[in-house]
Amino acid sequence: MLVNEKFRELDREVPGQVVGMFLYIASHNPCHKMAVEEDLEFTTASASRNLKWLTIKKSNGKPGMNLVETTLETDGSRRLLCHLTTKGKVFIDQILSILND
């Protein structure tokens, strides 16, 4: 329950899919958005929408959680690479601390 509360400190309405996506990215940091879609069985649209919650701005233009950044792969493939922000790294450390207590 404490982990859920930690997420709710950042956004009271955070969906479970967003939490799952963050934990996936944190455990595979960095990872491709396509890998997230495949492993979590998200549609492309669902993955994009959930990823927006974790970045700087949600799809609706409201502030996001700023836990994840995305960049385009430099190999020319145009694949989206997801990685934790500094805030995301601190946040996952806090979650791990809760889980290890």
PDB file of N, CA and C in Angstrom:
ATOM      1  N   MET A   1       0.812  -1.188   0.000  1.00  0.00           N
ATOM      2  CA  MET A   1       0.000   0.000   0.000  1.00  0.00           C
ATOM      3  C   MET A   1       0.859   1.257   0.000  1.00  0.00           C
ATOM      4  N   LEU A   2       2.000   1.227   0.633  1.00  0.00           N
ATOM      5  CA  LEU A   2       2.866   2.404   0.704  1.00  0.00           C
ATOM      6  C   LEU A   2       3.374   2.823  -0.671  1.00  0.00           C
ATOM      7  N   VAL A   3       3.623   1.855  -1.550  1.00  0.00           N
ATOM      8  CA  VAL A   3       4.090   2.183  -2.897  1.00  0.00           C
ATOM      9  C   VAL A   3       2.994   2.920  -3.660  1.00  0.00           C
ATOM     10  N   ASN A   4       1.755   2.451  -3.557  1.00  0.00           N
ATOM     11  CA  ASN A   4       0.647   3.153  -4.202  1.00  0.00           C
ATOM     12  C   ASN A   4       0.548   4.581  -3.704  1.00  0.00           C
ATOM     13  N   GLU A   5       0.694   4.769  -2.411  1.00  0.00           N
ATOM     14  CA  GLU A   5       0.620   6.108  -1.828  1.00  0.00           C
ATOM     15  C   GLU A   5       1.729   6.996  -2.373  1.00  0.00           C
ATOM     16  N   LYS A   6       2.897   6.429  -2.586  1.00  0.00           N
ATOM     17  CA  LYS A   6       4.024   7.198  -3.140  1.00  0.00           C
ATOM     18  C   LYS A   6       3.675   7.713  -4.536  1.00  0.00           C
ATOM     19  N   PHE A   7       3.087   6.868  -5.365  1.00  0.00           N
ATOM     20  CA  PHE A   7       2.670   7.297  -6.699  1.00  0.00           C
ATOM     21  C   PHE A   7       1.573   8.355  -6.605  1.00  0.00           C
ATOM     22  N   ARG A   8       0.661   8.170  -5.676  1.00  0.00           N
ATOM     23  CA  ARG A   8      -0.454   9.107  -5.536  1.00  0.00           C
ATOM     24  C   ARG A   8       0.000  10.464  -5.023  1.00  0.00           C
ATOM     25  N   GLU A   9       1.171  10.543  -4.396  1.00  0.00           N
ATOM     26  CA  GLU A   9       1.739  11.837  -4.011  1.00  0.00           C
ATOM     27  C   GLU A   9       2.053  12.670  -5.254  1.00  0.00           C
ATOM     28  N   LEU A  10       2.422  11.992  -6.329  1.00  0.00           N
ATOM     29  CA  LEU A  10       2.752  12.688  -7.576  1.00  0.00           C
ATOM     30  C   LEU A  10       1.510  13.017  -8.387  1.00  0.00           C
ATOM     31  N   ASP A  11       0.537  12.117  -8.360  1.00  0.00           N
ATOM     32  CA  ASP A  11      -0.701  12.326  -9.116  1.00  0.00           C
ATOM     33  C   ASP A  11      -1.793  11.477  -8.472  1.00  0.00           C
ATOM     34  N   ARG A  12      -2.796  12.118  -7.922  1.00  0.00           N
ATOM     35  CA  ARG A  12      -3.864  11.414  -7.200  1.00  0.00           C
ATOM     36  C   ARG A  12      -4.649  10.447  -8.078  1.00  0.00           C
ATOM     37  N   GLU A  13      -4.627  10.655  -9.393  1.00  0.00           N
ATOM     38  CA  GLU A  13      -5.444   9.846 -10.303  1.00  0.00           C
ATOM     39  C   GLU A  13      -4.615   8.907 -11.180  1.00  0.00           C
ATOM     40  N   VAL A  14      -3.402   8.583 -10.760  1.00  0.00           N
ATOM     41  CA  VAL A  14      -2.516   7.762 -11.586  1.00  0.00           C
ATOM     42  C   VAL A  14      -3.120   6.371 -11.814  1.00  0.00           C
ATOM     43  N   PRO A  15      -3.267   5.968 -13.089  1.00  0.00           N
ATOM     44  CA  PRO A  15      -3.799   4.630 -13.390  1.00  0.00           C
ATOM     45  C   PRO A  15      -2.764   3.535 -13.127  1.00  0.00           C
ATOM     46  N   GLY A  16      -3.247   2.346 -12.869  1.00  0.00           N
ATOM     47  CA  GLY A  16      -2.369   1.203 -12.643  1.00  0.00           C
ATOM     48  C   GLY A  16      -1.464   0.903 -13.828  1.00  0.00           C
ATOM     49  N   GLN A  17      -1.958   1.127 -15.056  1.00  0.00           N
ATOM     50  CA  GLN A  17      -1.123   0.885 -16.240  1.00  0.00           C
ATOM     51  C   GLN A  17       0.090   1.808 -16.253  1.00  0.00           C
ATOM     52  N   VAL A  18      -0.069   3.023 -15.770  1.00  0.00           N
ATOM     53  CA  VAL A  18       1.047   3.974 -15.715  1.00  0.00           C
ATOM     54  C   VAL A  18       2.074   3.494 -14.694  1.00  0.00           C
ATOM     55  N   VAL A  19       1.599   3.022 -13.559  1.00  0.00           N
ATOM     56  CA  VAL A  19       2.490   2.483 -12.524  1.00  0.00           C
ATOM     57  C   VAL A  19       3.272   1.298 -13.091  1.00  0.00           C
ATOM     58  N   GLY A  20       2.553   0.377 -13.757  1.00  0.00           N
ATOM     59  CA  GLY A  20       3.216  -0.781 -14.361  1.00  0.00           C
ATOM     60  C   GLY A  20       4.249  -0.384 -15.397  1.00  0.00           C
ATOM     61  N   MET A  21       3.922   0.608 -16.195  1.00  0.00           N
ATOM     62  CA  MET A  21       4.853   1.060 -17.221  1.00  0.00           C
ATOM     63  C   MET A  21       6.102   1.670 -16.585  1.00  0.00           C
ATOM     64  N   PHE A  22       5.920   2.466 -15.535  1.00  0.00           N
ATOM     65  CA  PHE A  22       7.080   3.045 -14.858  1.00  0.00           C
ATOM     66  C   PHE A  22       7.980   1.959 -14.285  1.00  0.00           C
ATOM     67  N   LEU A  23       7.377   0.988 -13.624  1.00  0.00           N
ATOM     68  CA  LEU A  23       8.176  -0.086 -13.025  1.00  0.00           C
ATOM     69  C   LEU A  23       8.908  -0.889 -14.096  1.00  0.00           C
ATOM     70  N   TYR A  24       8.266  -1.088 -15.242  1.00  0.00           N
ATOM     71  CA  TYR A  24       8.926  -1.786 -16.352  1.00  0.00           C
ATOM     72  C   TYR A  24      10.124  -0.980 -16.838  1.00  0.00           C
ATOM     73  N   ILE A  25       9.913   0.300 -17.099  1.00  0.00           N
ATOM     74  CA  ILE A  25      11.006   1.147 -17.606  1.00  0.00           C
ATOM     75  C   ILE A  25      12.137   1.203 -16.588  1.00  0.00           C
ATOM     76  N   ALA A  26      11.793   1.345 -15.311  1.00  0.00           N
ATOM     77  CA  ALA A  26      12.819   1.413 -14.264  1.00  0.00           C
ATOM     78  C   ALA A  26      13.638   0.132 -14.193  1.00  0.00           C
ATOM     79  N   SER A  27      12.997  -1.002 -14.422  1.00  0.00           N
ATOM     80  CA  SER A  27      13.717  -2.274 -14.329  1.00  0.00           C
ATOM     81  C   SER A  27      14.460  -2.629 -15.611  1.00  0.00           C
ATOM     82  N   HIS A  28      14.214  -1.901 -16.692  1.00  0.00           N
ATOM     83  CA  HIS A  28      14.886  -2.147 -17.968  1.00  0.00           C
ATOM     84  C   HIS A  28      15.608  -0.895 -18.473  1.00  0.00           C
ATOM     85  N   ASN A  29      15.860   0.047 -17.617  1.00  0.00           N
ATOM     86  CA  ASN A  29      16.371   1.360 -17.977  1.00  0.00           C
ATOM     87  C   ASN A  29      17.731   1.305 -18.673  1.00  0.00           C
ATOM     88  N   PRO A  30      17.847   1.831 -19.885  1.00  0.00           N
ATOM     89  CA  PRO A  30      16.813   2.353 -20.780  1.00  0.00           C
ATOM     90  C   PRO A  30      16.173   1.202 -21.572  1.00  0.00           C
ATOM     91  N   CYS A  31      15.035   1.499 -22.194  1.00  0.00           N
ATOM     92  CA  CYS A  31      14.369   0.485 -23.010  1.00  0.00           C
ATOM     93  C   CYS A  31      13.605   1.164 -24.143  1.00  0.00           C
ATOM     94  N   HIS A  32      13.285   0.386 -25.158  1.00  0.00           N
ATOM     95  CA  HIS A  32      12.514   0.902 -26.284  1.00  0.00           C
ATOM     96  C   HIS A  32      11.025   0.851 -25.977  1.00  0.00           C
ATOM     97  N   LYS A  33      10.312   1.846 -26.434  1.00  0.00           N
ATOM     98  CA  LYS A  33       8.855   1.889 -26.242  1.00  0.00           C
ATOM     99  C   LYS A  33       8.211   0.636 -26.830  1.00  0.00           C
ATOM    100  N   MET A  34       8.722   0.160 -27.934  1.00  0.00           N
ATOM    101  CA  MET A  34       8.159  -1.036 -28.567  1.00  0.00           C
ATOM    102  C   MET A  34       8.284  -2.256 -27.648  1.00  0.00           C
ATOM    103  N   ALA A  35       9.374  -2.352 -26.902  1.00  0.00           N
ATOM    104  CA  ALA A  35       9.551  -3.461 -25.957  1.00  0.00           C
ATOM    105  C   ALA A  35       8.516  -3.376 -24.842  1.00  0.00           C
ATOM    106  N   VAL A  36       8.250  -2.161 -24.381  1.00  0.00           N
ATOM    107  CA  VAL A  36       7.220  -1.967 -23.352  1.00  0.00           C
ATOM    108  C   VAL A  36       5.875  -2.449 -23.888  1.00  0.00           C
ATOM    109  N   GLU A  37       5.544  -2.025 -25.105  1.00  0.00           N
ATOM    110  CA  GLU A  37       4.268  -2.415 -25.724  1.00  0.00           C
ATOM    111  C   GLU A  37       4.142  -3.929 -25.805  1.00  0.00           C
ATOM    112  N   GLU A  38       5.192  -4.583 -26.276  1.00  0.00           N
ATOM    113  CA  GLU A  38       5.152  -6.030 -26.447  1.00  0.00           C
ATOM    114  C   GLU A  38       5.072  -6.754 -25.106  1.00  0.00           C
ATOM    115  N   ASP A  39       5.944  -6.381 -24.175  1.00  0.00           N
ATOM    116  CA  ASP A  39       6.017  -7.114 -22.905  1.00  0.00           C
ATOM    117  C   ASP A  39       4.804  -6.868 -22.007  1.00  0.00           C
ATOM    118  N   LEU A  40       4.246  -5.662 -22.042  1.00  0.00           N
ATOM    119  CA  LEU A  40       3.079  -5.359 -21.216  1.00  0.00           C
ATOM    120  C   LEU A  40       1.770  -5.528 -21.973  1.00  0.00           C
ATOM    121  N   GLU A  41       1.886  -5.916 -23.241  1.00  0.00           N
ATOM    122  CA  GLU A  41       0.720  -6.141 -24.107  1.00  0.00           C
ATOM    123  C   GLU A  41      -0.173  -4.901 -24.197  1.00  0.00           C
ATOM    124  N   PHE A  42       0.476  -3.750 -24.405  1.00  0.00           N
ATOM    125  CA  PHE A  42      -0.226  -2.487 -24.626  1.00  0.00           C
ATOM    126  C   PHE A  42      -0.334  -2.249 -26.122  1.00  0.00           C
ATOM    127  N   THR A  43      -1.421  -1.622 -26.540  1.00  0.00           N
ATOM    128  CA  THR A  43      -1.475  -1.139 -27.916  1.00  0.00           C
ATOM    129  C   THR A  43      -0.528   0.047 -28.011  1.00  0.00           C
ATOM    130  N   THR A  44      -0.192   0.429 -29.231  1.00  0.00           N
ATOM    131  CA  THR A  44       0.675   1.591 -29.429  1.00  0.00           C
ATOM    132  C   THR A  44       0.044   2.836 -28.818  1.00  0.00           C
ATOM    133  N   ALA A  45      -1.266   3.006 -29.028  1.00  0.00           N
ATOM    134  CA  ALA A  45      -1.961   4.179 -28.489  1.00  0.00           C
ATOM    135  C   ALA A  45      -1.956   4.183 -26.965  1.00  0.00           C
ATOM    136  N   SER A  46      -2.219   3.031 -26.358  1.00  0.00           N
ATOM    137  CA  SER A  46      -2.233   2.929 -24.903  1.00  0.00           C
ATOM    138  C   SER A  46      -0.847   3.207 -24.328  1.00  0.00           C
ATOM    139  N   ALA A  47       0.183   2.654 -24.941  1.00  0.00           N
ATOM    140  CA  ALA A  47       1.549   2.886 -24.475  1.00  0.00           C
ATOM    141  C   ALA A  47       1.904   4.368 -24.574  1.00  0.00           C
ATOM    142  N   SER A  48       1.532   4.994 -25.670  1.00  0.00           N
ATOM    143  CA  SER A  48       1.815   6.421 -25.845  1.00  0.00           C
ATOM    144  C   SER A  48       1.109   7.257 -24.788  1.00  0.00           C
ATOM    145  N   ARG A  49      -0.152   6.968 -24.548  1.00  0.00           N
ATOM    146  CA  ARG A  49      -0.952   7.703 -23.561  1.00  0.00           C
ATOM    147  C   ARG A  49      -0.371   7.523 -22.158  1.00  0.00           C
ATOM    148  N   ASN A  50      -0.031   6.295 -21.802  1.00  0.00           N
ATOM    149  CA  ASN A  50       0.536   6.034 -20.476  1.00  0.00           C
ATOM    150  C   ASN A  50       1.918   6.648 -20.324  1.00  0.00           C
ATOM    151  N   LEU A  51       2.700   6.614 -21.386  1.00  0.00           N
ATOM    152  CA  LEU A  51       4.034   7.203 -21.349  1.00  0.00           C
ATOM    153  C   LEU A  51       3.957   8.705 -21.114  1.00  0.00           C
ATOM    154  N   LYS A  52       2.955   9.353 -21.680  1.00  0.00           N
ATOM    155  CA  LYS A  52       2.786  10.797 -21.484  1.00  0.00           C
ATOM    156  C   LYS A  52       2.595  11.139 -20.006  1.00  0.00           C
ATOM    157  N   TRP A  53       1.899  10.290 -19.251  1.00  0.00           N
ATOM    158  CA  TRP A  53       1.740  10.527 -17.806  1.00  0.00           C
ATOM    159  C   TRP A  53       3.104  10.587 -17.128  1.00  0.00           C
ATOM    160  N   LEU A  54       4.036   9.778 -17.608  1.00  0.00           N
ATOM    161  CA  LEU A  54       5.336   9.654 -16.961  1.00  0.00           C
ATOM    162  C   LEU A  54       6.329  10.723 -17.400  1.00  0.00           C
ATOM    163  N   THR A  55       6.051  11.398 -18.500  1.00  0.00           N
ATOM    164  CA  THR A  55       6.963  12.424 -19.007  1.00  0.00           C
ATOM    165  C   THR A  55       6.572  13.793 -18.462  1.00  0.00           C
ATOM    166  N   ILE A  56       7.067  14.826 -19.087  1.00  0.00           N
ATOM    167  CA  ILE A  56       6.890  16.190 -18.593  1.00  0.00           C
ATOM    168  C   ILE A  56       5.466  16.716 -18.784  1.00  0.00           C
ATOM    169  N   LYS A  57       4.737  16.208 -19.794  1.00  0.00           N
ATOM    170  CA  LYS A  57       3.406  16.721 -20.078  1.00  0.00           C
ATOM    171  C   LYS A  57       2.489  15.599 -20.535  1.00  0.00           C
ATOM    172  N   LYS A  58       1.299  15.512 -19.925  1.00  0.00           N
ATOM    173  CA  LYS A  58       0.303  14.515 -20.305  1.00  0.00           C
ATOM    174  C   LYS A  58      -0.313  14.875 -21.657  1.00  0.00           C
ATOM    175  N   SER A  59      -1.044  13.947 -22.225  1.00  0.00           N
ATOM    176  CA  SER A  59      -1.714  14.160 -23.506  1.00  0.00           C
ATOM    177  C   SER A  59      -2.689  15.329 -23.465  1.00  0.00           C
ATOM    178  N   ASN A  60      -3.299  15.574 -22.309  1.00  0.00           N
ATOM    179  CA  ASN A  60      -4.275  16.647 -22.187  1.00  0.00           C
ATOM    180  C   ASN A  60      -3.625  18.013 -21.932  1.00  0.00           C
ATOM    181  N   GLY A  61      -2.290  18.062 -21.971  1.00  0.00           N
ATOM    182  CA  GLY A  61      -1.570  19.308 -21.773  1.00  0.00           C
ATOM    183  C   GLY A  61      -1.238  19.625 -20.331  1.00  0.00           C
ATOM    184  N   LYS A  62      -1.787  18.852 -19.392  1.00  0.00           N
ATOM    185  CA  LYS A  62      -1.484  19.067 -17.980  1.00  0.00           C
ATOM    186  C   LYS A  62      -0.094  18.517 -17.668  1.00  0.00           C
ATOM    187  N   PRO A  63       0.510  18.995 -16.586  1.00  0.00           N
ATOM    188  CA  PRO A  63       1.845  18.503 -16.230  1.00  0.00           C
ATOM    189  C   PRO A  63       1.855  16.999 -15.977  1.00  0.00           C
ATOM    190  N   GLY A  64       2.890  16.343 -16.474  1.00  0.00           N
ATOM    191  CA  GLY A  64       3.082  14.925 -16.215  1.00  0.00           C
ATOM    192  C   GLY A  64       3.912  14.728 -14.960  1.00  0.00           C
ATOM    193  N   MET A  65       4.318  13.500 -14.717  1.00  0.00           N
ATOM    194  CA  MET A  65       5.054  13.157 -13.499  1.00  0.00           C
ATOM    195  C   MET A  65       6.553  13.426 -13.615  1.00  0.00           C
ATOM    196  N   ASN A  66       7.051  13.591 -14.820  1.00  0.00           N
ATOM    197  CA  ASN A  66       8.464  13.881 -15.083  1.00  0.00           C
ATOM    198  C   ASN A  66       9.403  12.811 -14.509  1.00  0.00           C
ATOM    199  N   LEU A  67       9.006  11.554 -14.637  1.00  0.00           N
ATOM    200  CA  LEU A  67       9.828  10.441 -14.167  1.00  0.00           C
ATOM    201  C   LEU A  67      10.602   9.781 -15.306  1.00  0.00           C
ATOM    202  N   VAL A  68      10.139  10.009 -16.544  1.00  0.00           N
ATOM    203  CA  VAL A  68      10.723   9.354 -17.714  1.00  0.00           C
ATOM    204  C   VAL A  68      10.927  10.386 -18.820  1.00  0.00           C
ATOM    205  N   GLU A  69      12.029  10.237 -19.535  1.00  0.00           N
ATOM    206  CA  GLU A  69      12.295  11.029 -20.738  1.00  0.00           C
ATOM    207  C   GLU A  69      12.311  10.089 -21.928  1.00  0.00           C
ATOM    208  N   THR A  70      12.006  10.618 -23.082  1.00  0.00           N
ATOM    209  CA  THR A  70      12.101   9.827 -24.303  1.00  0.00           C
ATOM    210  C   THR A  70      13.004  10.546 -25.284  1.00  0.00           C
ATOM    211  N   THR A  71      13.753   9.756 -26.019  1.00  0.00           N
ATOM    212  CA  THR A  71      14.608  10.279 -27.082  1.00  0.00           C
ATOM    213  C   THR A  71      14.498   9.336 -28.267  1.00  0.00           C
ATOM    214  N   LEU A  72      14.774   9.867 -29.432  1.00  0.00           N
ATOM    215  CA  LEU A  72      14.814   9.009 -30.618  1.00  0.00           C
ATOM    216  C   LEU A  72      16.140   8.286 -30.667  1.00  0.00           C
ATOM    217  N   GLU A  73      16.106   7.024 -31.033  1.00  0.00           N
ATOM    218  CA  GLU A  73      17.318   6.221 -31.187  1.00  0.00           C
ATOM    219  C   GLU A  73      18.220   6.898 -32.217  1.00  0.00           C
ATOM    220  N   THR A  74      19.495   6.915 -31.966  1.00  0.00           N
ATOM    221  CA  THR A  74      20.436   7.612 -32.841  1.00  0.00           C
ATOM    222  C   THR A  74      20.858   6.809 -34.064  1.00  0.00           C
ATOM    223  N   ASP A  75      20.378   5.570 -34.175  1.00  0.00           N
ATOM    224  CA  ASP A  75      20.794   4.730 -35.296  1.00  0.00           C
ATOM    225  C   ASP A  75      19.967   4.964 -36.567  1.00  0.00           C
ATOM    226  N   GLY A  76      19.084   5.960 -36.524  1.00  0.00           N
ATOM    227  CA  GLY A  76      18.268   6.256 -37.695  1.00  0.00           C
ATOM    228  C   GLY A  76      16.991   5.457 -37.781  1.00  0.00           C
ATOM    229  N   SER A  77      16.722   4.580 -36.822  1.00  0.00           N
ATOM    230  CA  SER A  77      15.544   3.716 -36.870  1.00  0.00           C
ATOM    231  C   SER A  77      14.275   4.431 -36.415  1.00  0.00           C
ATOM    232  N   ARG A  78      14.413   5.577 -35.792  1.00  0.00           N
ATOM    233  CA  ARG A  78      13.296   6.370 -35.273  1.00  0.00           C
ATOM    234  C   ARG A  78      12.555   5.663 -34.137  1.00  0.00           C
ATOM    235  N   ARG A  79      13.198   4.662 -33.521  1.00  0.00           N
ATOM    236  CA  ARG A  79      12.592   4.014 -32.358  1.00  0.00           C
ATOM    237  C   ARG A  79      12.727   4.934 -31.153  1.00  0.00           C
ATOM    238  N   LEU A  80      11.712   4.927 -30.313  1.00  0.00           N
ATOM    239  CA  LEU A  80      11.694   5.770 -29.129  1.00  0.00           C
ATOM    240  C   LEU A  80      12.350   5.033 -27.971  1.00  0.00           C
ATOM    241  N   LEU A  81      13.328   5.678 -27.367  1.00  0.00           N
ATOM    242  CA  LEU A  81      14.052   5.115 -26.233  1.00  0.00           C
ATOM    243  C   LEU A  81      13.551   5.804 -24.960  1.00  0.00           C
ATOM    244  N   CYS A  82      13.154   5.010 -23.978  1.00  0.00           N
ATOM    245  CA  CYS A  82      12.630   5.522 -22.714  1.00  0.00           C
ATOM    246  C   CYS A  82      13.690   5.338 -21.633  1.00  0.00           C
ATOM    247  N   HIS A  83      13.931   6.387 -20.855  1.00  0.00           N
ATOM    248  CA  HIS A  83      14.881   6.257 -19.756  1.00  0.00           C
ATOM    249  C   HIS A  83      14.449   7.158 -18.606  1.00  0.00           C
ATOM    250  N   LEU A  84      14.873   6.808 -17.408  1.00  0.00           N
ATOM    251  CA  LEU A  84      14.486   7.550 -16.217  1.00  0.00           C
ATOM    252  C   LEU A  84      15.143   8.920 -16.177  1.00  0.00           C
ATOM    253  N   THR A  85      14.390   9.906 -15.720  1.00  0.00           N
ATOM    254  CA  THR A  85      14.948  11.215 -15.428  1.00  0.00           C
ATOM    255  C   THR A  85      15.654  11.120 -14.076  1.00  0.00           C
ATOM    256  N   THR A  86      16.317  12.178 -13.693  1.00  0.00           N
ATOM    257  CA  THR A  86      16.918  12.211 -12.356  1.00  0.00           C
ATOM    258  C   THR A  86      15.843  12.015 -11.304  1.00  0.00           C
ATOM    259  N   LYS A  87      14.706  12.677 -11.477  1.00  0.00           N
ATOM    260  CA  LYS A  87      13.581  12.519 -10.556  1.00  0.00           C
ATOM    261  C   LYS A  87      13.092  11.069 -10.543  1.00  0.00           C
ATOM    262  N   GLY A  88      13.069  10.430 -11.709  1.00  0.00           N
ATOM    263  CA  GLY A  88      12.646   9.034 -11.802  1.00  0.00           C
ATOM    264  C   GLY A  88      13.586   8.099 -11.061  1.00  0.00           C
ATOM    265  N   LYS A  89      14.886   8.380 -11.136  1.00  0.00           N
ATOM    266  CA  LYS A  89      15.874   7.556 -10.432  1.00  0.00           C
ATOM    267  C   LYS A  89      15.718   7.693  -8.919  1.00  0.00           C
ATOM    268  N   VAL A  90      15.509   8.926  -8.457  1.00  0.00           N
ATOM    269  CA  VAL A  90      15.286   9.151  -7.024  1.00  0.00           C
ATOM    270  C   VAL A  90      14.003   8.448  -6.587  1.00  0.00           C
ATOM    271  N   PHE A  91      12.964   8.550  -7.413  1.00  0.00           N
ATOM    272  CA  PHE A  91      11.668   7.960  -7.088  1.00  0.00           C
ATOM    273  C   PHE A  91      11.757   6.439  -6.991  1.00  0.00           C
ATOM    274  N   ILE A  92      12.434   5.799  -7.933  1.00  0.00           N
ATOM    275  CA  ILE A  92      12.545   4.337  -7.877  1.00  0.00           C
ATOM    276  C   ILE A  92      13.379   3.909  -6.670  1.00  0.00           C
ATOM    277  N   ASP A  93      14.374   4.704  -6.296  1.00  0.00           N
ATOM    278  CA  ASP A  93      15.145   4.401  -5.088  1.00  0.00           C
ATOM    279  C   ASP A  93      14.249   4.464  -3.850  1.00  0.00           C
ATOM    280  N   GLN A  94      13.318   5.428  -3.828  1.00  0.00           N
ATOM    281  CA  GLN A  94      12.386   5.545  -2.701  1.00  0.00           C
ATOM    282  C   GLN A  94      11.445   4.334  -2.658  1.00  0.00           C
ATOM    283  N   ILE A  95      11.008   3.900  -3.819  1.00  0.00           N
ATOM    284  CA  ILE A  95      10.131   2.727  -3.881  1.00  0.00           C
ATOM    285  C   ILE A  95      10.871   1.480  -3.409  1.00  0.00           C
ATOM    286  N   LEU A  96      12.096   1.309  -3.880  1.00  0.00           N
ATOM    287  CA  LEU A  96      12.886   0.149  -3.463  1.00  0.00           C
ATOM    288  C   LEU A  96      13.132   0.173  -1.961  1.00  0.00           C
ATOM    289  N   SER A  97      13.324   1.343  -1.401  1.00  0.00           N
ATOM    290  CA  SER A  97      13.515   1.470   0.040  1.00  0.00           C
ATOM    291  C   SER A  97      12.264   1.010   0.786  1.00  0.00           C
ATOM    292  N   ILE A  98      11.097   1.398   0.283  1.00  0.00           N
ATOM    293  CA  ILE A  98       9.840   0.973   0.907  1.00  0.00           C
ATOM    294  C   ILE A  98       9.714  -0.547   0.828  1.00  0.00           C
ATOM    295  N   LEU A  99      10.016  -1.110  -0.332  1.00  0.00           N
ATOM    296  CA  LEU A  99       9.871  -2.550  -0.521  1.00  0.00           C
ATOM    297  C   LEU A  99      10.872  -3.361   0.289  1.00  0.00           C
ATOM    298  N   ASN A 100      12.039  -2.788   0.559  1.00  0.00           N
ATOM    299  CA  ASN A 100      13.075  -3.500   1.290  1.00  0.00           C
ATOM    300  C   ASN A 100      12.954  -3.357   2.802  1.00  0.00           C
ATOM    301  N   ASP A 101      12.056  -2.497   3.255  1.00  0.00           N
ATOM    302  CA  ASP A 101      11.868  -2.335   4.717  1.00  0.00           C
ATOM    303  C   ASP A 101      11.016  -3.433   5.286  1.00  0.00           C
TER     304      ASP A 101
END
